[in-house]
Amino acid sequence: MYSYTLFSFLVILLSFVIVDIICGDVTNVRQAAVAPRNGSVIKSTTPWPSLGQTPNRRMVNRRPTQGTAPKWIQQNNIWIKNEQAQAASAQSQISGTEKNSNNNGAAANGAIISNPKQQRLSQNNPDSGTTAKSNSANNFPATPATPEGSRRGFVKNSPTPVVGGQTLPNVSPSGPGTEVDAPDEVVEKPTSGDSAVTDDELREFSETLLKKDLNNAAKYVVANFQGMTSSRSERDEALQPLLVVDPAAYKIPSVEKMALLFNNYFLDAGQNEVYTGQERIEENNLLDTVLATPVMQFARSFLIQKGKIGKDPREFKDLLRLIWFNMYSRGGGRIGSSGFEHVFLAELKNNMVSGLHNWLYFSEEEKENRANYLGYMKKIDLGNKGSILKYHFTFHGVDKPVGSMFIGTSPELEMALYSTCFLLRADKICPLKMNGNRFIIRTYSYRYRGKNMIGSAFPEI
């Protein structure tokens, strides 16, 4: 009996030992299965990482490391690939080197000068088409100099004058976005236009705008219209300069600010522009100056009333910057044009004159014998506020049979009229009235990379 009891006790004891060994192995395996990686002391059986536990790399949205160049960057308000930006930057450096080089090579190619701030043209410039129209004889002192770094006042390989050509109306000779010259006779037809504004409202708007033009410079400008001509005429019907501007006009804030921009652009529309921080400051100063005037404030209120812009003043400023100063290409992929350059200055493309609808810039070029007034075809008197002129002229020796511009009006008046017509009647007739005289403004839109900007804008009488 004693031996049987001892045997039973040993069997039970052995069973407990075996069970303990087996259970111990299973426990070790489970603990190894839930043990954290990378030496963490936190144990978790949940599928997401606990605090202090290193998470699975596939569960992390990793950010790019510092120093990694972004694939896309913004340049001149345009998103482009980084490698394209680097190439454009290199091209800008090359262009800057070319602009600052001496004029020996340019002179050999027939260019006039490369920097009008360092060297002025002679009064008897053969490219002007006449030597009798020098302004050196008048008693007015020289126009205030603009800052260094000028890119205006020269043209490579100045072309032979082509006089007597005719640009047909409503035909764009240089592709989309280029100016369409006015026909010899304007027949104003009723137009439905934008449903938000009527023709009579536009005429009333422009009459009120002229009355609010406190920075009008007409009292400082003498316009000598001289003989009448036509777009086909090859004769010079005006032996004297068209404009004589008293330097007091340059003391008008908006005139002073606009004149600083005249040396910011290349004359060739097919040449890449180089946009600097100083130029952006000058553009911003001009916008701030004109936006503070009664003229532009009235235009803004009118556009708010018609539902074209919101009440935030910054929205209107950003819109003006976009439609006037945003650079675009008129062909060949070269960013060499803008609405402001085309309308308030001028461009040369394919041996043709494009733009030049501002009296102040025309006066500057006429004084240097780069613009030659040949006579007028029609004019409208704005009383003591100036005039509107349709005329024939040459620019850098290139004939433009039909041109038009306001004379004596302020920069803000012209910008307000063109901007309003562009926003309400782009690519359509915009009927206006000033001093009781009816006329129209034409604005042409230029769509580039999804944005609508001003391709051209001018009065038509």
Protein backbone atom coordinates (compact mmCIF):
# COMPACT_ATOMS: atom_id res chain seq x y z
CA MET A 1 0.00 0.00 0.00
CA TYR A 2 2.82 2.35 0.91
CA SER A 3 4.64 1.77 -2.38
CA TYR A 4 1.44 2.34 -4.40
CA THR A 5 0.89 5.72 -2.69
CA LEU A 6 4.48 6.76 -3.30
CA PHE A 7 4.20 5.81 -6.97
CA SER A 8 1.01 7.87 -7.37
CA PHE A 9 2.65 10.90 -5.77
CA LEU A 10 5.64 10.70 -8.13
CA VAL A 11 3.34 10.46 -11.18
CA ILE A 12 1.37 13.53 -10.10
CA LEU A 13 4.54 15.47 -9.35
CA LEU A 14 5.99 14.56 -12.74
CA SER A 15 2.76 15.68 -14.43
CA PHE A 16 2.96 19.09 -12.76
CA VAL A 17 6.56 19.51 -13.92
CA ILE A 18 5.72 18.66 -17.52
CA VAL A 19 2.72 21.01 -17.57
CA ASP A 20 4.84 23.83 -16.08
CA ILE A 21 7.52 23.40 -18.75
CA ILE A 22 4.98 23.49 -21.60
CA CYS A 23 3.13 26.56 -20.25
CA GLY A 24 6.41 28.39 -19.73
CA ASP A 25 7.41 27.97 -23.42
CA VAL A 26 4.04 29.27 -24.64
CA THR A 27 4.29 32.35 -22.42
CA ASN A 28 7.77 33.19 -23.74
CA VAL A 29 6.58 32.95 -27.35
CA ARG A 30 3.65 35.32 -26.75
CA GLN A 31 5.83 37.88 -25.00
CA ALA A 32 8.28 37.80 -27.89
CA ALA A 33 5.43 38.36 -30.36
CA VAL A 34 4.30 41.63 -28.73
CA ALA A 35 7.74 42.96 -27.80
CA PRO A 36 8.35 46.45 -29.28
CA ARG A 37 11.09 47.18 -31.83
CA ASN A 38 14.11 49.39 -31.49
CA GLY A 39 14.51 48.68 -27.76
CA SER A 40 11.28 50.29 -26.58
CA VAL A 41 10.21 49.26 -23.11
CA ILE A 42 6.53 49.88 -23.84
CA LYS A 43 4.54 46.77 -24.67
CA SER A 44 1.35 47.03 -26.65
CA THR A 45 -1.03 44.61 -28.23
CA THR A 46 -2.91 47.33 -30.13
CA PRO A 47 -2.53 47.68 -33.94
CA TRP A 48 -1.54 51.42 -33.68
CA PRO A 49 1.64 52.72 -32.07
CA SER A 50 1.43 53.65 -28.41
CA LEU A 51 3.08 56.67 -26.82
CA GLY A 52 6.82 56.14 -26.79
CA GLN A 53 6.69 53.18 -29.18
CA THR A 54 8.39 53.44 -32.57
CA PRO A 55 5.64 53.29 -35.23
CA ASN A 56 5.75 51.33 -38.44
CA ARG A 57 7.44 53.42 -41.19
CA ARG A 58 4.59 52.72 -43.56
CA MET A 59 2.26 54.55 -41.15
CA VAL A 60 4.26 57.83 -41.27
CA ASN A 61 3.84 60.64 -43.86
CA ARG A 62 7.46 61.58 -44.18
CA ARG A 63 8.29 65.19 -45.08
CA PRO A 64 11.05 66.04 -47.50
CA THR A 65 14.38 66.61 -45.84
CA GLN A 66 15.79 70.10 -45.64
CA GLY A 67 17.91 71.06 -48.60
CA THR A 68 15.81 69.08 -51.06
CA ALA A 69 14.89 71.34 -53.96
CA PRO A 70 11.13 71.51 -54.63
CA LYS A 71 9.92 70.15 -57.94
CA TRP A 72 7.78 73.26 -58.63
CA ILE A 73 8.46 76.87 -57.69
CA GLN A 74 6.71 80.17 -58.37
CA GLN A 75 8.46 82.68 -60.61
CA ASN A 76 6.88 85.87 -62.01
CA ASN A 77 3.47 84.72 -60.74
CA ILE A 78 3.84 81.49 -62.73
CA TRP A 79 4.40 77.97 -61.35
CA ILE A 80 7.15 76.24 -63.32
CA LYS A 81 9.42 73.25 -62.85
CA ASN A 82 12.50 73.92 -60.76
CA GLU A 83 14.89 72.97 -63.51
CA GLN A 84 13.12 75.43 -65.83
CA ALA A 85 13.47 78.15 -63.21
CA GLN A 86 17.18 77.44 -62.94
CA ALA A 87 17.49 77.68 -66.71
CA ALA A 88 15.49 80.93 -66.72
CA SER A 89 17.71 82.31 -63.95
CA ALA A 90 20.79 81.47 -65.95
CA GLN A 91 19.23 83.12 -69.01
CA SER A 92 18.42 86.22 -66.91
CA GLN A 93 22.05 86.44 -65.80
CA ILE A 94 23.19 86.16 -69.40
CA SER A 95 20.68 88.81 -70.48
CA GLY A 96 21.82 91.11 -67.68
CA THR A 97 25.42 90.68 -68.77
CA GLU A 98 24.47 91.53 -72.34
CA LYS A 99 22.56 94.64 -71.23
CA ASN A 100 25.47 95.96 -69.20
CA SER A 101 28.06 95.32 -71.90
CA ASN A 102 29.51 98.18 -73.93
CA ASN A 103 27.91 99.47 -77.11
CA ASN A 104 30.68 98.59 -79.56
CA GLY A 105 28.98 95.51 -80.91
CA ALA A 106 25.58 97.20 -80.96
CA ALA A 107 26.93 100.14 -82.91
CA ALA A 108 28.36 97.79 -85.47
CA ASN A 109 24.90 96.29 -85.94
CA GLY A 110 23.24 99.66 -86.37
CA ALA A 111 21.84 100.03 -82.83
CA ILE A 112 21.47 103.48 -81.39
CA ILE A 113 22.57 103.05 -77.76
CA SER A 114 22.24 100.45 -75.02
CA ASN A 115 21.73 102.81 -72.09
CA PRO A 116 20.17 106.24 -72.61
CA LYS A 117 21.13 107.21 -69.04
CA GLN A 118 24.82 107.07 -70.01
CA GLN A 119 24.61 108.48 -73.52
CA ARG A 120 22.00 110.66 -75.25
CA LEU A 121 21.12 110.58 -78.92
CA SER A 122 22.27 113.38 -81.14
CA GLN A 123 19.54 115.80 -82.15
CA ASN A 124 19.98 115.00 -85.84
CA ASN A 125 19.18 111.31 -85.70
CA PRO A 126 18.80 109.95 -89.25
CA ASP A 127 16.43 107.24 -88.02
CA SER A 128 13.85 109.77 -86.94
CA GLY A 129 12.93 110.59 -90.54
CA THR A 130 13.47 114.35 -90.14
CA THR A 131 15.97 116.76 -88.63
CA ALA A 132 13.66 119.75 -88.39
CA LYS A 133 11.73 118.57 -85.32
CA SER A 134 14.34 118.98 -82.63
CA ASN A 135 13.00 120.30 -79.33
CA SER A 136 16.37 121.72 -78.37
CA ALA A 137 15.23 125.20 -79.40
CA ASN A 138 12.42 125.46 -76.86
CA ASN A 139 13.03 127.16 -73.55
CA PHE A 140 11.87 124.37 -71.29
CA PRO A 141 14.59 122.66 -69.24
CA ALA A 142 15.33 119.01 -69.70
CA THR A 143 12.94 116.38 -68.37
CA PRO A 144 13.98 114.94 -64.99
CA ALA A 145 16.25 111.96 -65.44
CA THR A 146 14.95 108.49 -64.63
CA PRO A 147 16.98 106.00 -62.56
CA GLU A 148 19.96 104.07 -63.79
CA GLY A 149 19.51 100.71 -65.49
CA SER A 150 17.52 101.94 -68.47
CA ARG A 151 16.52 99.43 -71.09
CA ARG A 152 14.71 101.87 -73.36
CA GLY A 153 15.89 104.23 -76.05
CA PHE A 154 17.53 101.69 -78.33
CA VAL A 155 16.63 99.11 -80.92
CA LYS A 156 18.85 96.49 -82.49
CA ASN A 157 19.31 96.78 -86.23
CA SER A 158 17.06 99.80 -86.67
CA PRO A 159 14.91 98.96 -89.71
CA THR A 160 14.45 100.96 -92.87
CA PRO A 161 11.36 103.21 -92.74
CA VAL A 162 8.28 101.72 -94.36
CA VAL A 163 5.95 104.62 -95.05
CA GLY A 164 2.48 104.51 -96.48
CA GLY A 165 1.50 101.02 -95.32
CA GLN A 166 -2.04 100.34 -94.18
CA THR A 167 -3.18 98.17 -91.29
CA LEU A 168 -6.67 96.92 -91.92
CA PRO A 169 -9.18 97.39 -89.12
CA ASN A 170 -10.16 94.42 -86.95
CA VAL A 171 -7.20 92.41 -88.20
CA SER A 172 -4.41 91.44 -85.84
CA PRO A 173 -1.20 91.52 -87.93
CA SER A 174 1.03 89.96 -85.30
CA GLY A 175 -1.13 87.23 -83.86
CA PRO A 176 -3.42 87.16 -80.84
CA GLY A 177 -3.14 89.92 -78.33
CA THR A 178 -1.51 92.46 -80.63
CA GLU A 179 -3.07 95.78 -81.35
CA VAL A 180 -5.82 96.24 -83.90
CA ASP A 181 -5.57 99.70 -85.45
CA ALA A 182 -8.63 101.89 -85.68
CA PRO A 183 -10.32 102.32 -89.07
CA ASP A 184 -10.36 105.73 -90.74
CA GLU A 185 -14.04 106.22 -89.90
CA VAL A 186 -15.69 104.91 -86.75
CA VAL A 187 -19.36 103.98 -86.93
CA GLU A 188 -20.66 103.49 -83.41
CA LYS A 189 -23.30 100.80 -83.25
CA PRO A 190 -25.53 99.97 -80.28
CA THR A 191 -24.25 97.02 -78.34
CA SER A 192 -25.81 94.97 -75.62
CA GLY A 193 -22.37 94.42 -74.07
CA ASP A 194 -22.36 93.34 -70.46
CA SER A 195 -25.84 93.00 -69.01
CA ALA A 196 -24.62 94.68 -65.81
CA VAL A 197 -24.03 98.04 -67.49
CA THR A 198 -25.68 100.01 -70.28
CA ASP A 199 -24.07 102.24 -72.89
CA ASP A 200 -25.56 105.36 -71.31
CA GLU A 201 -24.17 104.38 -67.91
CA LEU A 202 -20.70 104.08 -69.43
CA ARG A 203 -21.03 107.51 -71.06
CA GLU A 204 -22.16 109.07 -67.80
CA PHE A 205 -19.33 107.31 -65.98
CA SER A 206 -16.66 108.71 -68.32
CA GLU A 207 -18.04 112.27 -68.13
CA THR A 208 -17.92 112.14 -64.33
CA LEU A 209 -14.44 110.65 -64.43
CA LEU A 210 -13.11 113.56 -66.48
CA LYS A 211 -14.53 116.05 -63.97
CA LYS A 212 -12.70 114.22 -61.16
CA ASP A 213 -9.34 114.30 -62.97
CA LEU A 214 -7.57 116.60 -60.50
CA ASN A 215 -4.10 115.52 -61.69
CA ASN A 216 -4.87 116.55 -65.25
CA ALA A 217 -1.73 117.93 -66.94
CA ALA A 218 -3.31 119.65 -69.95
CA LYS A 219 -2.31 123.09 -68.67
CA TYR A 220 1.34 122.03 -68.92
CA VAL A 221 1.09 120.62 -72.46
CA VAL A 222 1.17 122.52 -75.76
CA ALA A 223 -0.14 120.39 -78.65
CA ASN A 224 0.77 121.57 -82.17
CA PHE A 225 -1.47 119.48 -84.44
CA GLN A 226 -0.38 121.17 -87.72
CA GLY A 227 -1.48 119.56 -91.00
CA MET A 228 -3.99 116.79 -91.64
CA THR A 229 -2.86 113.54 -93.22
CA SER A 230 -4.06 110.01 -93.89
CA SER A 231 -2.87 106.52 -93.13
CA ARG A 232 -1.66 106.10 -96.73
CA SER A 233 0.19 109.39 -97.04
CA GLU A 234 3.95 109.37 -97.47
CA ARG A 235 4.30 113.09 -96.78
CA ASP A 236 5.24 114.69 -93.48
CA GLU A 237 2.48 117.23 -92.82
CA ALA A 238 3.96 118.39 -89.52
CA LEU A 239 7.41 119.94 -89.59
CA GLN A 240 7.32 120.85 -85.88
CA PRO A 241 7.06 118.56 -82.87
CA LEU A 242 3.58 117.55 -81.77
CA LEU A 243 4.08 118.09 -78.03
CA VAL A 244 5.93 120.49 -75.79
CA VAL A 245 5.60 119.56 -72.12
CA ASP A 246 6.48 121.89 -69.26
CA PRO A 247 8.64 120.08 -66.65
CA ALA A 248 6.08 121.12 -64.03
CA ALA A 249 3.93 118.27 -65.35
CA TYR A 250 6.45 115.82 -63.90
CA LYS A 251 5.72 117.12 -60.41
CA ILE A 252 2.22 115.63 -60.57
CA PRO A 253 2.49 112.53 -58.32
CA SER A 254 1.07 109.97 -60.74
CA VAL A 255 2.98 111.42 -63.70
CA GLU A 256 6.21 111.31 -61.72
CA LYS A 257 5.62 107.70 -60.65
CA MET A 258 4.71 106.54 -64.15
CA ALA A 259 7.75 108.17 -65.78
CA LEU A 260 10.01 106.03 -63.57
CA LEU A 261 8.70 102.91 -65.32
CA PHE A 262 9.69 104.05 -68.81
CA ASN A 263 13.14 102.45 -68.55
CA ASN A 264 11.95 99.09 -67.19
CA TYR A 265 11.27 97.32 -70.47
CA PHE A 266 13.03 96.11 -73.58
CA LEU A 267 11.69 97.58 -76.80
CA ASP A 268 11.76 94.22 -78.61
CA ALA A 269 8.60 92.26 -77.72
CA GLY A 270 10.46 89.04 -78.51
CA GLN A 271 13.15 89.56 -75.87
CA ASN A 272 12.81 88.12 -72.37
CA GLU A 273 12.23 90.81 -69.78
CA VAL A 274 14.28 90.79 -66.58
CA TYR A 275 12.04 91.63 -63.63
CA THR A 276 13.83 93.17 -60.64
CA GLY A 277 12.78 94.00 -57.11
CA GLN A 278 13.21 97.72 -57.82
CA GLU A 279 10.80 97.49 -60.76
CA ARG A 280 8.19 95.81 -58.58
CA ILE A 281 8.56 98.63 -56.04
CA GLU A 282 8.04 101.20 -58.81
CA GLU A 283 4.94 99.38 -60.04
CA ASN A 284 3.57 99.17 -56.51
CA ASN A 285 4.22 102.89 -55.90
CA LEU A 286 2.38 103.80 -59.10
CA LEU A 287 -0.60 101.63 -58.15
CA ASP A 288 -0.74 103.09 -54.64
CA THR A 289 -0.60 106.63 -56.06
CA VAL A 290 -3.37 106.20 -58.63
CA LEU A 291 -5.58 104.22 -56.24
CA ALA A 292 -5.53 107.16 -53.83
CA THR A 293 -6.97 109.56 -56.44
CA PRO A 294 -10.68 110.48 -56.77
CA VAL A 295 -10.61 109.14 -60.33
CA MET A 296 -9.61 105.61 -59.41
CA GLN A 297 -11.78 105.58 -56.28
CA PHE A 298 -14.80 106.45 -58.41
CA ALA A 299 -13.89 103.74 -60.93
CA ARG A 300 -13.60 101.20 -58.11
CA SER A 301 -17.01 102.17 -56.72
CA PHE A 302 -18.53 101.85 -60.18
CA LEU A 303 -17.10 98.36 -60.65
CA ILE A 304 -18.28 97.32 -57.17
CA GLN A 305 -21.75 98.57 -58.04
CA LYS A 306 -21.73 96.51 -61.22
CA GLY A 307 -20.62 93.39 -59.34
CA LYS A 308 -17.23 93.07 -61.05
CA ILE A 309 -15.10 93.31 -57.92
CA GLY A 310 -15.56 92.94 -54.18
CA LYS A 311 -15.31 95.66 -51.56
CA ASP A 312 -11.83 94.70 -50.37
CA PRO A 313 -9.41 97.42 -51.64
CA ARG A 314 -6.63 94.84 -51.93
CA GLU A 315 -8.68 92.88 -54.44
CA PHE A 316 -8.82 95.84 -56.82
CA LYS A 317 -5.11 96.53 -56.48
CA ASP A 318 -4.24 92.88 -57.13
CA LEU A 319 -6.53 92.88 -60.16
CA LEU A 320 -4.87 95.99 -61.61
CA ARG A 321 -1.45 94.46 -61.04
CA LEU A 322 -2.54 91.30 -62.85
CA ILE A 323 -4.12 92.86 -65.94
CA TRP A 324 -1.49 95.58 -66.38
CA PHE A 325 1.84 94.27 -65.10
CA ASN A 326 1.73 90.49 -65.35
CA MET A 327 4.27 89.46 -68.00
CA TYR A 328 3.34 87.22 -70.91
CA SER A 329 4.65 86.03 -74.26
CA ARG A 330 3.44 87.32 -77.60
CA GLY A 331 5.17 84.47 -79.41
CA GLY A 332 8.28 82.33 -79.43
CA GLY A 333 7.91 81.44 -75.75
CA ARG A 334 9.73 84.59 -74.64
CA ILE A 335 8.19 86.52 -71.73
CA GLY A 336 8.65 89.98 -73.20
CA SER A 337 5.37 91.88 -72.97
CA SER A 338 2.70 93.24 -70.64
CA GLY A 339 -0.40 95.36 -70.92
CA PHE A 340 1.31 98.38 -69.37
CA GLU A 341 4.32 98.21 -71.66
CA HIS A 342 2.13 97.86 -74.74
CA VAL A 343 -0.35 100.65 -73.96
CA PHE A 344 1.68 103.22 -72.02
CA LEU A 345 4.97 102.61 -73.84
CA ALA A 346 5.52 100.80 -77.15
CA GLU A 347 6.88 97.59 -78.62
CA LEU A 348 8.52 96.51 -81.84
CA LYS A 349 7.72 93.09 -83.27
CA ASN A 350 8.27 91.74 -86.76
CA ASN A 351 9.30 95.19 -88.03
CA MET A 352 6.00 96.68 -86.86
CA VAL A 353 5.15 99.26 -84.17
CA SER A 354 2.76 98.00 -81.52
CA GLY A 355 1.09 100.10 -78.83
CA LEU A 356 2.22 103.62 -77.91
CA HIS A 357 -1.02 105.22 -76.71
CA ASN A 358 0.31 107.58 -74.06
CA TRP A 359 1.16 111.24 -74.64
CA LEU A 360 3.86 111.43 -71.96
CA TYR A 361 5.88 108.57 -73.44
CA PHE A 362 5.38 109.92 -76.96
CA SER A 363 6.73 113.29 -75.82
CA GLU A 364 9.80 111.64 -74.30
CA GLU A 365 10.51 109.75 -77.51
CA GLU A 366 9.80 112.75 -79.73
CA LYS A 367 12.34 114.86 -77.82
CA GLU A 368 14.97 112.23 -78.62
CA ASN A 369 13.90 112.07 -82.30
CA ARG A 370 12.85 108.46 -81.92
CA ALA A 371 9.19 109.33 -82.62
CA ASN A 372 8.21 111.49 -85.60
CA TYR A 373 4.72 112.97 -85.80
CA LEU A 374 3.50 113.15 -89.44
CA GLY A 375 0.08 114.80 -88.99
CA TYR A 376 -3.37 114.07 -87.64
CA MET A 377 -6.49 112.47 -89.07
CA LYS A 378 -9.02 113.43 -86.41
CA LYS A 379 -9.11 115.04 -82.97
CA ILE A 380 -11.57 115.62 -80.16
CA ASP A 381 -11.36 118.64 -77.88
CA LEU A 382 -11.77 117.95 -74.15
CA GLY A 383 -11.85 121.65 -73.26
CA ASN A 384 -9.31 122.56 -70.60
CA LYS A 385 -8.76 118.84 -69.89
CA GLY A 386 -6.82 118.03 -73.08
CA SER A 387 -7.76 116.19 -76.26
CA ILE A 388 -7.96 112.84 -78.04
CA LEU A 389 -5.88 112.43 -81.18
CA LYS A 390 -5.86 110.04 -84.11
CA TYR A 391 -2.58 110.45 -85.95
CA HIS A 392 0.12 109.06 -88.25
CA PHE A 393 3.71 108.70 -87.01
CA THR A 394 6.95 106.75 -87.22
CA PHE A 395 8.75 105.18 -84.28
CA HIS A 396 12.43 104.24 -84.51
CA GLY A 397 12.07 104.66 -88.26
CA VAL A 398 9.15 102.22 -88.51
CA ASP A 399 5.89 103.60 -89.87
CA LYS A 400 2.63 103.28 -87.96
CA PRO A 401 -0.19 104.47 -90.23
CA VAL A 402 -2.82 104.84 -87.49
CA GLY A 403 -2.30 105.62 -83.83
CA SER A 404 -4.44 107.17 -81.13
CA MET A 405 -3.95 108.59 -77.65
CA PHE A 406 -5.26 110.97 -75.03
CA ILE A 407 -3.26 114.19 -74.59
CA GLY A 408 -2.90 115.94 -71.22
CA THR A 409 -4.96 113.48 -69.19
CA SER A 410 -3.61 111.91 -66.01
CA PRO A 411 -2.28 108.34 -65.83
CA GLU A 412 -5.08 107.40 -63.45
CA LEU A 413 -7.78 108.63 -65.85
CA GLU A 414 -6.44 106.56 -68.71
CA MET A 415 -5.86 103.50 -66.53
CA ALA A 416 -9.35 103.81 -65.02
CA LEU A 417 -11.04 104.08 -68.43
CA TYR A 418 -9.10 101.18 -69.95
CA SER A 419 -9.51 98.97 -66.87
CA THR A 420 -13.25 99.59 -66.61
CA CYS A 421 -13.83 98.91 -70.30
CA PHE A 422 -11.67 95.79 -70.09
CA LEU A 423 -13.63 94.41 -67.14
CA LEU A 424 -17.04 95.31 -68.56
CA ARG A 425 -16.59 95.26 -72.36
CA ALA A 426 -13.41 93.34 -73.19
CA ASP A 427 -13.11 92.61 -76.94
CA LYS A 428 -16.22 94.73 -77.54
CA ILE A 429 -17.03 98.37 -78.20
CA CYS A 430 -17.01 100.45 -75.01
CA PRO A 431 -18.97 103.67 -75.75
CA LEU A 432 -17.90 106.72 -73.76
CA LYS A 433 -18.42 110.48 -73.74
CA MET A 434 -16.22 113.35 -72.59
CA ASN A 435 -16.89 117.08 -72.80
CA GLY A 436 -20.05 116.22 -74.75
CA ASN A 437 -18.08 114.28 -77.42
CA ARG A 438 -18.84 110.62 -78.04
CA PHE A 439 -16.08 108.14 -78.78
CA ILE A 440 -15.27 104.53 -78.00
CA ILE A 441 -12.50 102.59 -76.33
CA ARG A 442 -11.39 99.21 -77.54
CA THR A 443 -9.73 96.74 -75.22
CA TYR A 444 -8.40 93.38 -76.31
CA SER A 445 -7.82 90.56 -73.87
CA TYR A 446 -4.76 88.33 -73.93
CA ARG A 447 -5.15 84.95 -72.25
CA TYR A 448 -1.89 83.48 -71.02
CA ARG A 449 -1.57 80.42 -68.78
CA GLY A 450 -5.16 80.59 -67.67
CA LYS A 451 -5.25 84.33 -66.90
CA ASN A 452 -6.90 87.16 -68.83
CA MET A 453 -4.75 90.26 -69.17
CA ILE A 454 -4.83 93.41 -71.29
CA GLY A 455 -3.39 92.81 -74.73
CA SER A 456 -4.17 96.31 -76.01
CA ALA A 457 -6.33 99.30 -75.12
CA PHE A 458 -6.79 102.60 -76.96
CA PRO A 459 -9.36 105.32 -77.78
CA GLU A 460 -11.03 105.25 -81.17
CA ILE A 461 -12.51 108.41 -82.74
